[in-house]
Each structure stands twice: as structure tokens, then as C-alpha cells.
Amino acid sequence: MATQQKKPVTHVYKEINEGKFKGVKHYELKEVINGTLQLTELINISKDRNCAQSMPEYWLKIRNDNKWSKCITGLFKTGINYIYKGDLQRKKHLILFKFSTDAKTLKVFVFKDFYTRDLSNVLLLINHSAKI
């Protein structure tokens, strides 16, 4: 159950290998703000291929050693363009993704030890964060 909203750890990623893959984008970490790295230096965002009943728009994978992990979380629409939600460790940590309009830059907000279904307050914080 959610208690009090904490300030998220913000990860700023830039797309690498642009145009190399049709349904997948790879991102490299450029900066971590307000904390320590919660994901990995490289992440993989792939389009959903209708394989899960939950029907996310995208899937997140992280880089472990020299291999991509299994899907860590699905990315679901939030009602605000370019912002998607997910969770880590079975709804222990809320994670929000804010893509730039061209999807070349990605901000990932990890709310450690905080999860809620009511995203109104966190979406206001994310939506009004610095433009990417």
C-alpha cells in the first residue's frame, strides 16, 4: 500500500543504434538525478506483440553482463502523451517513462518503495518536469 510519495530517482537515456531495429529501441544512460542507478546503463524498449493478457504498449528489458534480461515490466498508457507506467519487483516500486516526441530521449522516474494506482499526483510531477 502506498504511504507517502517520495522524490523519484530520474534516469536520462539517449537512443543508440537508431533505425537498426524495427520494433525495438536501445537506450544508453546519460545521467542519474537525485539518487543512484536503479536500472542499468543500457535498456531495451520493445513494442508489445500481443503476447500478454495485460496488453502493455511496450516492454522493458535491462542489460545483464552481455545479455538482455527477460521482460522486467510492461509499459502502460497513462492518459498523457509520451508518458507510460510500469512497476518493479511486483508493485514494490513505481516506474514512469517519459519519452521525447521523437523518442530519441527517455526519462525514467523510479519511485523506490512507493507504488500507487492513483497516478494523478505523480503524473503532475512528471508532466511538468523539465522538457526533454
C-alpha atoms as a PDB file:
ATOM      1  CA  MET A   1       0.000   0.000   0.000  1.00  0.00           C
ATOM      2  CA  ALA A   2       1.246   3.472  -0.812  1.00  0.00           C
ATOM      3  CA  THR A   3       2.227   5.660   2.088  1.00  0.00           C
ATOM      4  CA  GLN A   4       3.948   8.872   1.115  1.00  0.00           C
ATOM      5  CA  GLN A   5       5.196   9.874  -2.299  1.00  0.00           C
ATOM      6  CA  LYS A   6       8.958  10.167  -2.418  1.00  0.00           C
ATOM      7  CA  LYS A   7      11.040  12.128  -4.865  1.00  0.00           C
ATOM      8  CA  PRO A   8      11.933   9.788  -7.735  1.00  0.00           C
ATOM      9  CA  VAL A   9      15.372   8.809  -8.948  1.00  0.00           C
ATOM     10  CA  THR A  10      15.494  10.153 -12.514  1.00  0.00           C
ATOM     11  CA  HIS A  11      17.438   8.384 -15.247  1.00  0.00           C
ATOM     12  CA  VAL A  12      18.072  10.195 -18.536  1.00  0.00           C
ATOM     13  CA  TYR A  13      18.688   7.921 -21.528  1.00  0.00           C
ATOM     14  CA  LYS A  14      19.572   8.642 -25.166  1.00  0.00           C
ATOM     15  CA  GLU A  15      18.722   6.317 -28.043  1.00  0.00           C
ATOM     16  CA  ILE A  16      21.564   4.377 -29.617  1.00  0.00           C
ATOM     17  CA  ASN A  17      21.511   2.240 -32.786  1.00  0.00           C
ATOM     18  CA  GLU A  18      18.828   4.495 -34.296  1.00  0.00           C
ATOM     19  CA  GLY A  19      16.821   2.765 -37.004  1.00  0.00           C
ATOM     20  CA  LYS A  20      18.692  -0.527 -36.646  1.00  0.00           C
ATOM     21  CA  PHE A  21      15.703  -2.485 -35.345  1.00  0.00           C
ATOM     22  CA  LYS A  22      12.063  -2.061 -36.364  1.00  0.00           C
ATOM     23  CA  GLY A  23      10.232  -2.859 -33.112  1.00  0.00           C
ATOM     24  CA  VAL A  24      12.987  -2.240 -30.558  1.00  0.00           C
ATOM     25  CA  LYS A  25      14.850   0.820 -29.318  1.00  0.00           C
ATOM     26  CA  HIS A  26      18.043   0.677 -27.293  1.00  0.00           C
ATOM     27  CA  TYR A  27      18.936   3.463 -24.886  1.00  0.00           C
ATOM     28  CA  GLU A  28      22.174   4.361 -23.109  1.00  0.00           C
ATOM     29  CA  LEU A  29      22.291   6.105 -19.742  1.00  0.00           C
ATOM     30  CA  LYS A  30      23.482   9.715 -19.833  1.00  0.00           C
ATOM     31  CA  GLU A  31      22.653  10.924 -16.326  1.00  0.00           C
ATOM     32  CA  VAL A  32      21.162   9.899 -12.969  1.00  0.00           C
ATOM     33  CA  ILE A  33      19.469  12.633 -10.941  1.00  0.00           C
ATOM     34  CA  ASN A  34      18.509  12.527  -7.257  1.00  0.00           C
ATOM     35  CA  GLY A  35      19.989   9.158  -6.305  1.00  0.00           C
ATOM     36  CA  THR A  36      21.872   6.157  -7.566  1.00  0.00           C
ATOM     37  CA  LEU A  37      21.340   3.967 -10.623  1.00  0.00           C
ATOM     38  CA  GLN A  38      18.191   1.831 -10.235  1.00  0.00           C
ATOM     39  CA  LEU A  39      18.243   0.170 -13.666  1.00  0.00           C
ATOM     40  CA  THR A  40      21.263  -0.479 -15.910  1.00  0.00           C
ATOM     41  CA  GLU A  41      23.472   1.563 -18.243  1.00  0.00           C
ATOM     42  CA  LEU A  42      21.655   0.079 -21.261  1.00  0.00           C
ATOM     43  CA  ILE A  43      17.921  -0.567 -21.580  1.00  0.00           C
ATOM     44  CA  ASN A  44      15.767  -2.072 -24.307  1.00  0.00           C
ATOM     45  CA  ILE A  45      12.217  -0.888 -25.067  1.00  0.00           C
ATOM     46  CA  SER A  46      10.282  -3.166 -27.427  1.00  0.00           C
ATOM     47  CA  LYS A  47       6.763  -2.965 -28.846  1.00  0.00           C
ATOM     48  CA  ASP A  48       4.229  -5.402 -27.440  1.00  0.00           C
ATOM     49  CA  ARG A  49       3.338  -8.213 -29.800  1.00  0.00           C
ATOM     50  CA  ASN A  50       0.087  -9.105 -28.017  1.00  0.00           C
ATOM     51  CA  CYS A  51       1.673 -11.946 -26.070  1.00  0.00           C
ATOM     52  CA  ALA A  52       0.376 -10.956 -22.620  1.00  0.00           C
ATOM     53  CA  GLN A  53      -3.174 -10.627 -21.331  1.00  0.00           C
ATOM     54  CA  SER A  54      -2.241  -7.356 -19.597  1.00  0.00           C
ATOM     55  CA  MET A  55      -1.765  -5.707 -23.030  1.00  0.00           C
ATOM     56  CA  PRO A  56       1.039  -3.191 -22.380  1.00  0.00           C
ATOM     57  CA  GLU A  57       2.164  -0.883 -25.177  1.00  0.00           C
ATOM     58  CA  TYR A  58       5.866  -1.704 -24.681  1.00  0.00           C
ATOM     59  CA  TRP A  59       8.190  -3.935 -22.658  1.00  0.00           C
ATOM     60  CA  LEU A  60      11.327  -3.026 -20.700  1.00  0.00           C
ATOM     61  CA  LYS A  61      14.458  -5.189 -20.637  1.00  0.00           C
ATOM     62  CA  ILE A  62      17.738  -4.374 -18.915  1.00  0.00           C
ATOM     63  CA  ARG A  63      21.289  -5.402 -19.773  1.00  0.00           C
ATOM     64  CA  ASN A  64      22.868  -8.036 -17.510  1.00  0.00           C
ATOM     65  CA  ASP A  65      26.502  -8.656 -18.380  1.00  0.00           C
ATOM     66  CA  ASN A  66      26.387  -9.314 -22.110  1.00  0.00           C
ATOM     67  CA  LYS A  67      22.726 -10.357 -22.451  1.00  0.00           C
ATOM     68  CA  TRP A  68      19.295  -8.735 -22.362  1.00  0.00           C
ATOM     69  CA  SER A  69      17.124  -9.818 -19.443  1.00  0.00           C
ATOM     70  CA  LYS A  70      13.636 -11.218 -19.744  1.00  0.00           C
ATOM     71  CA  CYS A  71      10.941  -8.548 -19.678  1.00  0.00           C
ATOM     72  CA  ILE A  72      11.178  -6.565 -16.440  1.00  0.00           C
ATOM     73  CA  THR A  73       7.848  -4.727 -16.747  1.00  0.00           C
ATOM     74  CA  GLY A  74       5.240  -3.718 -19.258  1.00  0.00           C
ATOM     75  CA  LEU A  75       4.783  -0.045 -20.110  1.00  0.00           C
ATOM     76  CA  PHE A  76       1.141   1.016 -19.968  1.00  0.00           C
ATOM     77  CA  LYS A  77      -0.587   4.193 -21.174  1.00  0.00           C
ATOM     78  CA  THR A  78      -1.273   6.842 -18.544  1.00  0.00           C
ATOM     79  CA  GLY A  79      -3.602   9.170 -20.424  1.00  0.00           C
ATOM     80  CA  ILE A  80      -0.835  11.708 -21.039  1.00  0.00           C
ATOM     81  CA  ASN A  81       1.006  11.554 -24.351  1.00  0.00           C
ATOM     82  CA  TYR A  82       4.506  10.074 -24.206  1.00  0.00           C
ATOM     83  CA  ILE A  83       4.219   9.022 -20.531  1.00  0.00           C
ATOM     84  CA  TYR A  84       3.896   5.342 -19.584  1.00  0.00           C
ATOM     85  CA  LYS A  85       3.793   3.483 -16.269  1.00  0.00           C
ATOM     86  CA  GLY A  86       5.194   0.212 -15.011  1.00  0.00           C
ATOM     87  CA  ASP A  87       6.426  -1.358 -11.801  1.00  0.00           C
ATOM     88  CA  LEU A  88       9.455  -3.138 -10.428  1.00  0.00           C
ATOM     89  CA  GLN A  89       9.567  -6.109  -8.047  1.00  0.00           C
ATOM     90  CA  ARG A  90       5.852  -6.883  -8.247  1.00  0.00           C
ATOM     91  CA  LYS A  91       4.482  -3.412  -7.484  1.00  0.00           C
ATOM     92  CA  LYS A  92       7.085  -2.504  -4.873  1.00  0.00           C
ATOM     93  CA  HIS A  93       8.462   0.397  -6.940  1.00  0.00           C
ATOM     94  CA  LEU A  94       6.514   2.620  -9.338  1.00  0.00           C
ATOM     95  CA  ILE A  95       8.338   3.438 -12.563  1.00  0.00           C
ATOM     96  CA  LEU A  96       7.280   6.088 -15.089  1.00  0.00           C
ATOM     97  CA  PHE A  97       8.689   6.614 -18.572  1.00  0.00           C
ATOM     98  CA  LYS A  98       8.609   9.996 -20.324  1.00  0.00           C
ATOM     99  CA  PHE A  99       9.605   9.822 -23.987  1.00  0.00           C
ATOM    100  CA  SER A 100      10.560  12.875 -26.023  1.00  0.00           C
ATOM    101  CA  THR A 101       8.263  13.489 -29.000  1.00  0.00           C
ATOM    102  CA  ASP A 102      10.792  11.831 -31.332  1.00  0.00           C
ATOM    103  CA  ALA A 103      11.576   9.048 -28.766  1.00  0.00           C
ATOM    104  CA  LYS A 104      15.318   9.755 -29.002  1.00  0.00           C
ATOM    105  CA  THR A 105      15.467  10.795 -25.347  1.00  0.00           C
ATOM    106  CA  LEU A 106      13.836   8.986 -22.448  1.00  0.00           C
ATOM    107  CA  LYS A 107      13.475   9.960 -18.799  1.00  0.00           C
ATOM    108  CA  VAL A 108      12.774   7.102 -16.417  1.00  0.00           C
ATOM    109  CA  PHE A 109      11.441   8.020 -12.974  1.00  0.00           C
ATOM    110  CA  VAL A 110      11.823   5.311 -10.323  1.00  0.00           C
ATOM    111  CA  PHE A 111       9.794   5.827  -7.152  1.00  0.00           C
ATOM    112  CA  LYS A 112      11.664   3.500  -4.804  1.00  0.00           C
ATOM    113  CA  ASP A 113       9.480   1.771  -2.177  1.00  0.00           C
ATOM    114  CA  PHE A 114       6.403   3.615  -3.449  1.00  0.00           C
ATOM    115  CA  TYR A 115       3.556   2.297  -5.562  1.00  0.00           C
ATOM    116  CA  THR A 116       0.052   3.619  -6.185  1.00  0.00           C
ATOM    117  CA  ARG A 117      -2.709   3.087  -8.721  1.00  0.00           C
ATOM    118  CA  ASP A 118      -3.777   6.738  -8.391  1.00  0.00           C
ATOM    119  CA  LEU A 119      -1.219   8.454 -10.597  1.00  0.00           C
ATOM    120  CA  SER A 120      -2.727  11.950 -10.514  1.00  0.00           C
ATOM    121  CA  ASN A 121      -0.082  13.466  -8.219  1.00  0.00           C
ATOM    122  CA  VAL A 122       2.925  11.708  -9.734  1.00  0.00           C
ATOM    123  CA  LEU A 123       1.773  12.462 -13.281  1.00  0.00           C
ATOM    124  CA  LEU A 124       1.577  16.159 -12.459  1.00  0.00           C
ATOM    125  CA  LEU A 125       5.145  15.987 -11.162  1.00  0.00           C
ATOM    126  CA  ILE A 126       6.386  14.074 -14.222  1.00  0.00           C
ATOM    127  CA  ASN A 127       4.410  16.005 -16.817  1.00  0.00           C
ATOM    128  CA  HIS A 128       5.712  19.332 -15.532  1.00  0.00           C
ATOM    129  CA  SER A 129       9.310  18.168 -15.151  1.00  0.00           C
ATOM    130  CA  ALA A 130      11.936  19.791 -17.348  1.00  0.00           C
ATOM    131  CA  LYS A 131      11.288  19.333 -21.061  1.00  0.00           C
ATOM    132  CA  ILE A 132      13.356  16.684 -22.803  1.00  0.00           C
END
